[in-house]
C-alpha atoms as a PDB file:
ATOM      1  CA  MET A   1       0.080  -0.095  -0.223  1.00  0.00           C
ATOM      2  CA  HIS A   2       0.826   3.397  -0.316  1.00  0.00           C
ATOM      3  CA  PHE A   3       0.140   6.208   1.680  1.00  0.00           C
ATOM      4  CA  LEU A   4      -0.143  10.344   1.080  1.00  0.00           C
ATOM      5  CA  ILE A   5       0.012  12.112   4.454  1.00  0.00           C
ATOM      6  CA  CYS A   6      -0.521  15.796   3.824  1.00  0.00           C
ATOM      7  CA  VAL A   7       0.889  18.053   6.870  1.00  0.00           C
ATOM      8  CA  GLY A   8       0.875  22.108   7.374  1.00  0.00           C
ATOM      9  CA  GLY A   9       1.425  24.173  10.172  1.00  0.00           C
ATOM     10  CA  GLU A  10       1.587  23.732  14.107  1.00  0.00           C
ATOM     11  CA  GLN A  11       5.160  22.107  13.465  1.00  0.00           C
ATOM     12  CA  TYR A  12       4.278  20.192  10.777  1.00  0.00           C
ATOM     13  CA  SER A  13       0.754  18.906  12.191  1.00  0.00           C
ATOM     14  CA  ARG A  14       3.113  16.329  14.434  1.00  0.00           C
ATOM     15  CA  GLY A  15      -0.745  14.566  15.345  1.00  0.00           C
ATOM     16  CA  THR A  16      -1.592  14.194  11.602  1.00  0.00           C
ATOM     17  CA  LEU A  17       1.564  13.004  10.991  1.00  0.00           C
ATOM     18  CA  SER A  18       2.033  10.496  13.942  1.00  0.00           C
ATOM     19  CA  PHE A  19      -1.372   9.511  13.272  1.00  0.00           C
ATOM     20  CA  GLY A  20      -1.109   8.009   9.614  1.00  0.00           C
ATOM     21  CA  MET A  21       2.484   6.939  10.404  1.00  0.00           C
ATOM     22  CA  ARG A  22       1.249   4.516  13.410  1.00  0.00           C
ATOM     23  CA  MET A  23      -1.304   3.095  10.595  1.00  0.00           C
ATOM     24  CA  ALA A  24       1.605   2.926   7.615  1.00  0.00           C
ATOM     25  CA  SER A  25       3.858   1.301  10.190  1.00  0.00           C
ATOM     26  CA  ARG A  26       1.334  -1.121  10.543  1.00  0.00           C
ATOM     27  CA  LEU A  27       0.078  -1.997   7.674  1.00  0.00           C
ATOM     28  CA  ARG A  28       4.360  -1.498   5.806  1.00  0.00           C
ATOM     29  CA  ALA A  29       2.640   0.601   3.696  1.00  0.00           C
ATOM     30  CA  ASP A  30       5.156   2.992   1.487  1.00  0.00           C
ATOM     31  CA  VAL A  31       4.466   6.920   2.499  1.00  0.00           C
ATOM     32  CA  SER A  32       4.841  10.045   0.884  1.00  0.00           C
ATOM     33  CA  VAL A  33       4.845  12.980   3.595  1.00  0.00           C
ATOM     34  CA  LEU A  34       3.591  16.115   1.813  1.00  0.00           C
ATOM     35  CA  TYR A  35       3.955  19.870   2.744  1.00  0.00           C
ATOM     36  CA  VAL A  36       2.747  22.754   0.608  1.00  0.00           C
ATOM     37  CA  ARG A  37       3.865  26.141   1.027  1.00  0.00           C
ATOM     38  CA  PRO A  38       2.769  29.445  -0.100  1.00  0.00           C
ATOM     39  CA  SER A  39       3.873  30.684  -3.055  1.00  0.00           C
ATOM     40  CA  VAL A  40       7.265  32.879  -3.691  1.00  0.00           C
ATOM     41  CA  SER A  41       6.803  35.933  -5.247  1.00  0.00           C
ATOM     42  CA  TYR A  42       7.930  36.179  -8.911  1.00  0.00           C
ATOM     43  CA  LEU A  43      10.914  38.267  -7.800  1.00  0.00           C
ATOM     44  CA  PHE A  44      12.712  35.950  -5.804  1.00  0.00           C
ATOM     45  CA  LYS A  45      12.400  32.813  -8.369  1.00  0.00           C
ATOM     46  CA  GLU A  46      15.891  33.702  -9.308  1.00  0.00           C
ATOM     47  CA  GLU A  47      16.924  33.183  -5.563  1.00  0.00           C
ATOM     48  CA  ILE A  48      14.814  30.073  -5.466  1.00  0.00           C
ATOM     49  CA  ARG A  49      17.080  28.863  -8.623  1.00  0.00           C
ATOM     50  CA  ILE A  50      19.961  29.049  -6.464  1.00  0.00           C
ATOM     51  CA  SER A  51      18.642  27.748  -3.453  1.00  0.00           C
ATOM     52  CA  GLN A  52      17.694  24.605  -5.350  1.00  0.00           C
ATOM     53  CA  GLU A  53      21.152  23.875  -6.852  1.00  0.00           C
ATOM     54  CA  LYS A  54      22.441  24.320  -2.826  1.00  0.00           C
ATOM     55  CA  LEU A  55      19.690  22.184  -1.612  1.00  0.00           C
ATOM     56  CA  GLU A  56      21.145  18.973  -2.467  1.00  0.00           C
ATOM     57  CA  GLN A  57      24.373  19.692  -1.260  1.00  0.00           C
ATOM     58  CA  TRP A  58      22.830  20.645   2.471  1.00  0.00           C
ATOM     59  CA  HIS A  59      25.554  23.371   2.366  1.00  0.00           C
ATOM     60  CA  VAL A  60      23.395  26.448   2.212  1.00  0.00           C
ATOM     61  CA  GLU A  61      20.570  26.535   5.202  1.00  0.00           C
ATOM     62  CA  THR A  62      17.146  27.491   2.610  1.00  0.00           C
ATOM     63  CA  GLU A  63      13.591  26.872   3.655  1.00  0.00           C
ATOM     64  CA  GLU A  64      13.109  23.911   1.991  1.00  0.00           C
ATOM     65  CA  SER A  65      15.594  22.384   3.977  1.00  0.00           C
ATOM     66  CA  ARG A  66      15.049  23.575   7.171  1.00  0.00           C
ATOM     67  CA  LEU A  67      11.367  22.107   6.361  1.00  0.00           C
ATOM     68  CA  LEU A  68      12.800  18.653   5.063  1.00  0.00           C
ATOM     69  CA  LYS A  69      14.715  18.497   8.534  1.00  0.00           C
ATOM     70  CA  GLY A  70      12.224  19.620  10.641  1.00  0.00           C
ATOM     71  CA  LEU A  71       9.847  16.835   9.358  1.00  0.00           C
ATOM     72  CA  GLU A  72      12.835  14.324   9.461  1.00  0.00           C
ATOM     73  CA  GLN A  73      13.177  15.034  13.020  1.00  0.00           C
ATOM     74  CA  ILE A  74       9.499  14.522  14.213  1.00  0.00           C
ATOM     75  CA  LEU A  75       9.643  10.670  12.506  1.00  0.00           C
ATOM     76  CA  SER A  76      13.142  10.213  13.889  1.00  0.00           C
ATOM     77  CA  GLU A  77      11.656  11.215  17.290  1.00  0.00           C
ATOM     78  CA  GLU A  78       8.663   9.097  16.619  1.00  0.00           C
ATOM     79  CA  ASN A  79      11.055   6.348  15.586  1.00  0.00           C
ATOM     80  CA  PHE A  80       9.354   5.757  12.397  1.00  0.00           C
ATOM     81  CA  LEU A  81      12.602   5.562  10.313  1.00  0.00           C
ATOM     82  CA  ARG A  82      15.178   3.371  10.256  1.00  0.00           C
ATOM     83  CA  MET A  83      18.666   4.103  11.940  1.00  0.00           C
ATOM     84  CA  VAL A  84      21.794   2.778  10.845  1.00  0.00           C
ATOM     85  CA  GLU A  85      24.767   3.375  13.250  1.00  0.00           C
ATOM     86  CA  GLY A  86      22.995   6.387  14.868  1.00  0.00           C
ATOM     87  CA  SER A  87      21.998   7.948  11.865  1.00  0.00           C
ATOM     88  CA  VAL A  88      18.353   7.895   9.579  1.00  0.00           C
ATOM     89  CA  ASP A  89      19.143   5.760   6.953  1.00  0.00           C
ATOM     90  CA  VAL A  90      18.865   7.920   3.607  1.00  0.00           C
ATOM     91  CA  ARG A  91      18.086   6.744   0.007  1.00  0.00           C
ATOM     92  CA  HIS A  92      18.827   9.763  -1.669  1.00  0.00           C
ATOM     93  CA  ALA A  93      20.061  13.019  -0.259  1.00  0.00           C
ATOM     94  CA  PRO A  94      16.997  15.808  -0.866  1.00  0.00           C
ATOM     95  CA  LYS A  95      16.610  16.518  -5.104  1.00  0.00           C
ATOM     96  CA  ALA A  96      14.791  19.408  -6.304  1.00  0.00           C
ATOM     97  CA  GLY A  97      12.198  18.892  -9.359  1.00  0.00           C
ATOM     98  CA  ILE A  98      10.938  15.670  -8.573  1.00  0.00           C
ATOM     99  CA  ARG A  99       7.794  15.462 -10.232  1.00  0.00           C
ATOM    100  CA  GLY A 100       7.392  18.936  -9.458  1.00  0.00           C
ATOM    101  CA  ALA A 101       8.555  18.808  -5.893  1.00  0.00           C
ATOM    102  CA  TYR A 102      11.709  18.776  -3.259  1.00  0.00           C
ATOM    103  CA  GLU A 103      12.195  15.268  -2.179  1.00  0.00           C
ATOM    104  CA  TYR A 104      14.052  13.557   0.576  1.00  0.00           C
ATOM    105  CA  HIS A 105      13.889   9.757   0.456  1.00  0.00           C
ATOM    106  CA  LEU A 106      14.214   7.819   3.888  1.00  0.00           C
ATOM    107  CA  TYR A 107      13.699   4.450   4.461  1.00  0.00           C
ATOM    108  CA  GLY A 108      11.170   3.708   7.217  1.00  0.00           C
ATOM    109  CA  ALA A 109      11.595   1.265  10.348  1.00  0.00           C
ATOM    110  CA  ALA A 110      10.756  -1.820   8.684  1.00  0.00           C
ATOM    111  CA  GLY A 111      12.272  -0.972   5.174  1.00  0.00           C
ATOM    112  CA  GLU A 112       9.316   0.663   3.772  1.00  0.00           C
ATOM    113  CA  HIS A 113       9.731   3.770   1.302  1.00  0.00           C
ATOM    114  CA  VAL A 114       9.523   7.335   3.088  1.00  0.00           C
ATOM    115  CA  ARG A 115       9.275  10.120   0.933  1.00  0.00           C
ATOM    116  CA  ILE A 116       9.121  13.630   2.613  1.00  0.00           C
ATOM    117  CA  ARG A 117       8.276  16.046  -0.503  1.00  0.00           C
ATOM    118  CA  ILE A 118       7.645  20.009  -0.382  1.00  0.00           C
ATOM    119  CA  ARG A 119       5.509  21.793  -3.232  1.00  0.00           C
ATOM    120  CA  GLU A 120       4.713  25.655  -3.574  1.00  0.00           C
ATOM    121  CA  GLY A 121       0.972  27.398  -4.188  1.00  0.00           C
ATOM    122  CA  ASP A 122      -2.476  26.179  -3.741  1.00  0.00           C
ATOM    123  CA  ILE A 123      -3.089  23.259  -1.400  1.00  0.00           C
ATOM    124  CA  VAL A 124      -5.512  21.526  -2.501  1.00  0.00           C
ATOM    125  CA  GLY A 125      -4.155  21.446  -6.369  1.00  0.00           C
ATOM    126  CA  ASN A 126      -1.075  20.468  -5.080  1.00  0.00           C
ATOM    127  CA  ILE A 127      -2.708  17.675  -3.269  1.00  0.00           C
ATOM    128  CA  ILE A 128      -4.684  16.553  -6.321  1.00  0.00           C
ATOM    129  CA  GLN A 129      -1.130  16.992  -8.608  1.00  0.00           C
ATOM    130  CA  GLU A 130       0.277  14.287  -6.076  1.00  0.00           C
ATOM    131  CA  THR A 131      -2.325  11.941  -6.456  1.00  0.00           C
ATOM    132  CA  LEU A 132      -2.505  12.022 -10.447  1.00  0.00           C
ATOM    133  CA  ASP A 133       0.966  11.100 -10.211  1.00  0.00           C
ATOM    134  CA  VAL A 134       1.271   8.346  -7.880  1.00  0.00           C
ATOM    135  CA  PRO A 135      -2.089   5.454  -7.248  1.00  0.00           C
ATOM    136  CA  PHE A 136      -1.991   6.745  -3.680  1.00  0.00           C
ATOM    137  CA  ASP A 137      -4.590   3.688  -1.738  1.00  0.00           C
ATOM    138  CA  LEU A 138      -5.197   6.332   0.926  1.00  0.00           C
ATOM    139  CA  VAL A 139      -4.788  10.183   1.559  1.00  0.00           C
ATOM    140  CA  LEU A 140      -4.786  11.582   4.771  1.00  0.00           C
ATOM    141  CA  VAL A 141      -5.429  15.148   5.236  1.00  0.00           C
ATOM    142  CA  GLY A 142      -5.530  16.981   9.169  1.00  0.00           C
ATOM    143  CA  ALA A 143      -8.642  19.052   9.555  1.00  0.00           C
ATOM    144  CA  SER A 144      -7.935  22.546   9.311  1.00  0.00           C
ATOM    145  CA  GLY A 145      -9.059  26.054  11.430  1.00  0.00           C
ATOM    146  CA  ASP A 146     -10.699  27.553   8.082  1.00  0.00           C
ATOM    147  CA  GLY A 147     -14.325  26.294   8.641  1.00  0.00           C
ATOM    148  CA  GLY A 148     -14.183  23.254   6.950  1.00  0.00           C
ATOM    149  CA  ARG A 149     -13.138  24.987   3.587  1.00  0.00           C
ATOM    150  CA  LEU A 150     -10.446  22.305   2.653  1.00  0.00           C
ATOM    151  CA  VAL A 151     -12.128  19.696   3.881  1.00  0.00           C
ATOM    152  CA  HIS A 152     -14.840  19.965   1.727  1.00  0.00           C
ATOM    153  CA  GLN A 153     -12.945  20.610  -1.217  1.00  0.00           C
ATOM    154  CA  ILE A 154     -10.529  17.160  -0.250  1.00  0.00           C
ATOM    155  CA  ILE A 155     -13.609  15.073   0.050  1.00  0.00           C
ATOM    156  CA  HIS A 156     -15.163  16.480  -3.069  1.00  0.00           C
ATOM    157  CA  TYR A 157     -12.583  16.805  -5.282  1.00  0.00           C
ATOM    158  CA  LEU A 158     -10.087  13.906  -4.508  1.00  0.00           C
ATOM    159  CA  GLU A 159     -11.024  10.273  -6.533  1.00  0.00           C
ATOM    160  CA  ASN A 160      -8.847   8.784  -3.830  1.00  0.00           C
ATOM    161  CA  SER A 161     -10.103   7.248  -0.384  1.00  0.00           C
ATOM    162  CA  VAL A 162      -9.729  10.205   2.157  1.00  0.00           C
ATOM    163  CA  LEU A 163      -9.034  10.141   6.123  1.00  0.00           C
ATOM    164  CA  ILE A 164      -9.525  13.407   7.836  1.00  0.00           C
ATOM    165  CA  VAL A 165      -7.666  13.177  11.137  1.00  0.00           C
ATOM    166  CA  LYS A 166      -9.582  15.265  13.261  1.00  0.00           C
ATOM    167  CA  ASN A 167      -8.222  15.221  17.438  1.00  0.00           C
ATOM    168  CA  PRO A 168      -5.685  12.318  16.868  1.00  0.00           C
ATOM    169  CA  LEU A 169      -5.348  10.379  19.928  1.00  0.00           C
ATOM    170  CA  PRO A 170      -2.625   7.687  21.069  1.00  0.00           C
ATOM    171  CA  ALA A 171      -5.210   5.382  22.311  1.00  0.00           C
ATOM    172  CA  ASP A 172      -6.516   2.185  19.981  1.00  0.00           C
ATOM    173  CA  TYR A 173      -9.351   3.242  17.744  1.00  0.00           C
ATOM    174  CA  ARG A 174     -12.552   1.311  16.538  1.00  0.00           C
ATOM    175  CA  PHE A 175     -14.314   1.680  13.096  1.00  0.00           C
ATOM    176  CA  LEU A 176     -17.579   3.145  12.883  1.00  0.00           C
ATOM    177  CA  LEU A 177     -18.311   1.733   9.610  1.00  0.00           C
ATOM    178  CA  CYS A 178     -21.764   3.074   8.543  1.00  0.00           C
ATOM    179  CA  MET A 179     -23.913   0.780   6.101  1.00  0.00           C
ATOM    180  CA  ASP A 180     -26.837   1.058   3.861  1.00  0.00           C
ATOM    181  CA  ASP A 181     -28.305  -1.018   1.041  1.00  0.00           C
ATOM    182  CA  SER A 182     -25.772   1.167  -1.518  1.00  0.00           C
ATOM    183  CA  ARG A 183     -22.789   0.065  -3.654  1.00  0.00           C
ATOM    184  CA  ALA A 184     -21.111   2.981  -2.054  1.00  0.00           C
ATOM    185  CA  ALA A 185     -21.563   1.404   1.356  1.00  0.00           C
ATOM    186  CA  ARG A 186     -20.150  -2.056  -0.464  1.00  0.00           C
ATOM    187  CA  ARG A 187     -17.337  -0.202  -0.895  1.00  0.00           C
ATOM    188  CA  ALA A 188     -16.899   1.241   2.199  1.00  0.00           C
ATOM    189  CA  GLU A 189     -17.287  -2.288   3.658  1.00  0.00           C
ATOM    190  CA  GLU A 190     -14.912  -3.869   1.603  1.00  0.00           C
ATOM    191  CA  PHE A 191     -12.088  -1.558   2.401  1.00  0.00           C
ATOM    192  CA  CYS A 192     -12.888  -1.272   6.005  1.00  0.00           C
ATOM    193  CA  LEU A 193     -12.780  -5.217   6.152  1.00  0.00           C
ATOM    194  CA  GLY A 194      -9.121  -4.793   4.606  1.00  0.00           C
ATOM    195  CA  LEU A 195      -7.897  -2.396   7.094  1.00  0.00           C
ATOM    196  CA  ALA A 196      -9.685  -3.925  10.104  1.00  0.00           C
ATOM    197  CA  CYS A 197      -8.207  -7.530   9.408  1.00  0.00           C
ATOM    198  CA  GLN A 198      -4.779  -6.038   8.743  1.00  0.00           C
ATOM    199  CA  LEU A 199      -4.540  -3.642  12.175  1.00  0.00           C
ATOM    200  CA  LEU A 200      -6.746  -6.025  14.184  1.00  0.00           C
ATOM    201  CA  MET A 201      -9.423  -3.389  14.844  1.00  0.00           C
ATOM    202  CA  LYS A 202     -12.977  -3.532  16.086  1.00  0.00           C
ATOM    203  CA  VAL A 203     -15.791  -2.840  13.712  1.00  0.00           C
ATOM    204  CA  ASP A 204     -18.832  -0.988  15.130  1.00  0.00           C
ATOM    205  CA  VAL A 205     -21.450  -1.593  12.355  1.00  0.00           C
ATOM    206  CA  LEU A 206     -24.189   1.481  12.352  1.00  0.00           C
ATOM    207  CA  SER A 207     -27.299   0.909  10.414  1.00  0.00           C
ATOM    208  CA  ILE A 208     -29.977   3.970   9.966  1.00  0.00           C
ATOM    209  CA  TYR A 209     -33.481   3.955   9.050  1.00  0.00           C
ATOM    210  CA  GLY A 210     -35.653   6.713   8.504  1.00  0.00           C
ATOM    211  CA  TYR A 211     -39.360   5.231   8.814  1.00  0.00           C
ATOM    212  CA  PRO A 212     -40.614   2.350  10.881  1.00  0.00           C
ATOM    213  CA  TRP A 213     -40.819  -0.028   7.693  1.00  0.00           C
ATOM    214  CA  GLU A 214     -37.341   0.075   6.962  1.00  0.00           C
ATOM    215  CA  GLU A 215     -36.028  -0.941  10.630  1.00  0.00           C
ATOM    216  CA  HIS A 216     -36.309  -4.455   9.399  1.00  0.00           C
ATOM    217  CA  ALA A 217     -34.006  -4.176   6.107  1.00  0.00           C
ATOM    218  CA  ALA A 218     -31.726  -2.108   8.460  1.00  0.00           C
ATOM    219  CA  MET A 219     -31.232  -4.853  10.794  1.00  0.00           C
ATOM    220  CA  GLU A 220     -30.903  -7.242   7.858  1.00  0.00           C
ATOM    221  CA  SER A 221     -28.330  -5.210   6.690  1.00  0.00           C
ATOM    222  CA  ALA A 222     -26.363  -4.897   9.853  1.00  0.00           C
ATOM    223  CA  GLU A 223     -26.259  -8.667  10.569  1.00  0.00           C
ATOM    224  CA  ARG A 224     -24.733  -8.980   6.889  1.00  0.00           C
ATOM    225  CA  THR A 225     -22.088  -7.346   7.154  1.00  0.00           C
ATOM    226  CA  CYS A 226     -21.230  -8.580  10.714  1.00  0.00           C
ATOM    227  CA  ARG A 227     -21.478 -12.187   9.434  1.00  0.00           C
ATOM    228  CA  LEU A 228     -19.027 -11.241   6.956  1.00  0.00           C
ATOM    229  CA  LEU A 229     -16.716  -9.659   9.645  1.00  0.00           C
ATOM    230  CA  LYS A 230     -16.842 -12.315  11.978  1.00  0.00           C
ATOM    231  CA  HIS A 231     -16.009 -14.975   9.171  1.00  0.00           C
ATOM    232  CA  PHE A 232     -12.871 -13.255   9.044  1.00  0.00           C
ATOM    233  CA  ASN A 233     -12.397 -12.826  12.858  1.00  0.00           C
ATOM    234  CA  ILE A 234     -13.248  -9.323  13.437  1.00  0.00           C
ATOM    235  CA  ASP A 235     -14.872  -8.569  16.508  1.00  0.00           C
ATOM    236  CA  CYS A 236     -17.907  -6.363  15.983  1.00  0.00           C
ATOM    237  CA  GLU A 237     -21.153  -4.942  17.089  1.00  0.00           C
ATOM    238  CA  ILE A 238     -24.484  -3.562  15.676  1.00  0.00           C
ATOM    239  CA  ARG A 239     -26.180  -0.338  16.384  1.00  0.00           C
ATOM    240  CA  ILE A 240     -29.566   0.131  14.927  1.00  0.00           C
ATOM    241  CA  ARG A 241     -30.625   3.592  14.990  1.00  0.00           C
ATOM    242  CA  ARG A 242     -33.399   5.860  13.364  1.00  0.00           C
ATOM    243  CA  GLY A 243     -33.230   9.446  12.487  1.00  0.00           C
ATOM    244  CA  PRO A 244     -31.413  11.824  10.129  1.00  0.00           C
ATOM    245  CA  VAL A 245     -28.541  10.134   8.492  1.00  0.00           C
ATOM    246  CA  ALA A 246     -25.690  12.867   9.202  1.00  0.00           C
ATOM    247  CA  ARG A 247     -27.271  13.942  12.663  1.00  0.00           C
ATOM    248  CA  THR A 248     -27.173  10.008  13.798  1.00  0.00           C
ATOM    249  CA  ILE A 249     -23.986   9.573  12.802  1.00  0.00           C
ATOM    250  CA  LEU A 250     -22.580  12.415  14.784  1.00  0.00           C
ATOM    251  CA  ARG A 251     -24.623  11.665  17.864  1.00  0.00           C
ATOM    252  CA  GLU A 252     -23.222   8.090  17.234  1.00  0.00           C
ATOM    253  CA  ALA A 253     -19.390   8.687  16.965  1.00  0.00           C
ATOM    254  CA  GLN A 254     -17.080   8.779  19.845  1.00  0.00           C
ATOM    255  CA  SER A 255     -13.524   9.855  20.271  1.00  0.00           C
ATOM    256  CA  HIS A 256     -12.238   6.536  19.676  1.00  0.00           C
ATOM    257  CA  HIS A 257     -13.966   6.207  16.374  1.00  0.00           C
ATOM    258  CA  ILE A 258     -12.840   6.413  12.904  1.00  0.00           C
ATOM    259  CA  VAL A 259     -15.914   6.903  10.891  1.00  0.00           C
ATOM    260  CA  THR A 260     -16.258   5.277   7.773  1.00  0.00           C
ATOM    261  CA  LEU A 261     -18.683   5.814   5.125  1.00  0.00           C
ATOM    262  CA  GLY A 262     -18.746   5.739   1.230  1.00  0.00           C
ATOM    263  CA  VAL A 263     -19.237   8.450  -0.897  1.00  0.00           C
ATOM    264  CA  SER A 264     -22.721  10.549  -1.632  1.00  0.00           C
ATOM    265  CA  LYS A 265     -25.461   9.501  -3.732  1.00  0.00           C
ATOM    266  CA  ARG A 266     -25.981  13.110  -4.854  1.00  0.00           C
ATOM    267  CA  PRO A 267     -24.860  14.360  -7.920  1.00  0.00           C
ATOM    268  CA  SER A 268     -21.464  16.139  -7.833  1.00  0.00           C
ATOM    269  CA  LEU A 269     -22.672  19.649  -8.728  1.00  0.00           C
ATOM    270  CA  LEU A 270     -25.211  18.986  -5.956  1.00  0.00           C
ATOM    271  CA  GLN A 271     -22.586  17.597  -3.469  1.00  0.00           C
ATOM    272  CA  PHE A 272     -20.329  21.051  -4.417  1.00  0.00           C
ATOM    273  CA  PHE A 273     -23.100  23.577  -3.565  1.00  0.00           C
ATOM    274  CA  LEU A 274     -25.313  21.808  -0.814  1.00  0.00           C
ATOM    275  CA  GLY A 275     -22.645  19.687   0.813  1.00  0.00           C
ATOM    276  CA  SER A 276     -23.277  16.048   1.357  1.00  0.00           C
ATOM    277  CA  THR A 277     -23.195  13.250   4.530  1.00  0.00           C
ATOM    278  CA  PRO A 278     -19.165  12.768   4.285  1.00  0.00           C
ATOM    279  CA  ILE A 279     -18.674  16.537   3.751  1.00  0.00           C
ATOM    280  CA  LYS A 280     -21.176  16.991   6.856  1.00  0.00           C
ATOM    281  CA  ILE A 281     -19.289  14.775   8.773  1.00  0.00           C
ATOM    282  CA  GLY A 282     -16.104  15.714   7.594  1.00  0.00           C
ATOM    283  CA  ARG A 283     -16.425  18.837   8.534  1.00  0.00           C
ATOM    284  CA  GLU A 284     -18.851  18.990  11.909  1.00  0.00           C
ATOM    285  CA  GLY A 285     -17.790  15.786  13.474  1.00  0.00           C
ATOM    286  CA  SER A 286     -14.984  15.752  16.289  1.00  0.00           C
ATOM    287  CA  SER A 287     -13.274  12.012  15.307  1.00  0.00           C
ATOM    288  CA  PRO A 288     -11.368  11.038  12.593  1.00  0.00           C
ATOM    289  CA  VAL A 289     -13.490  10.356   9.439  1.00  0.00           C
ATOM    290  CA  LEU A 290     -12.656   7.783   6.375  1.00  0.00           C
ATOM    291  CA  VAL A 291     -14.288   8.533   3.192  1.00  0.00           C
ATOM    292  CA  VAL A 292     -13.951   5.454   0.796  1.00  0.00           C
ATOM    293  CA  LYS A 293     -14.184   6.569  -3.118  1.00  0.00           C
END
């Protein structure tokens, strides 16, 4: 597997980085860590060109070298990197122009590839560009403080499955798998099944209905999913609830849950202007949200 972990301010979003790396390490997944910094004025482009030439040599302290070294230090402190004779095991030194980014290539603690990449410009546009270059299995993004605009755009525009990391905890998590009879829910079920098997995580199966005559179908759907999970020795519990979908999910989700759901049934244009259940949960929820594409 290959994960993309997108980090920003607050010491490079240490919580998001640690959350994503813990998951990736247990899966032995390769990781690309992406930091997108603001665009630099055209007036300084020549200085940037000179810095690029010096970057590979580490002889001059540049903004890029500081960012790369800072992220390396966090990964090293969290024991996510392989050490050789007291030093980080480097596959190749920092280089400019690797698929449009500065890249520093290291080895993870189990030998997996860890790439630290720095891009410049629009955050969402650069994240999308990264996903076009590499077929990532999962993109992890920390929740921003912009009122949810970034979360909205990431969930709406990315074609990859997305995990919105909110209030990450060091404790063990459970999946809160939100099920109905749609294809999107089945895809979420399959993705959750694969992760739960490999991560040895428990699953709470949440099935929601709106009208009394839908309760039996909701129960059957949840029981079918639970039988499948138990077939693979995954510990699971069933929760049958009545009410509006988004509001009920937000009420059921606890701090130790990773809320897992498929994409919205709404047409893309309506999702953009009116939002969708995944976008609403991603923006308003307080726990991590996994949207399976």
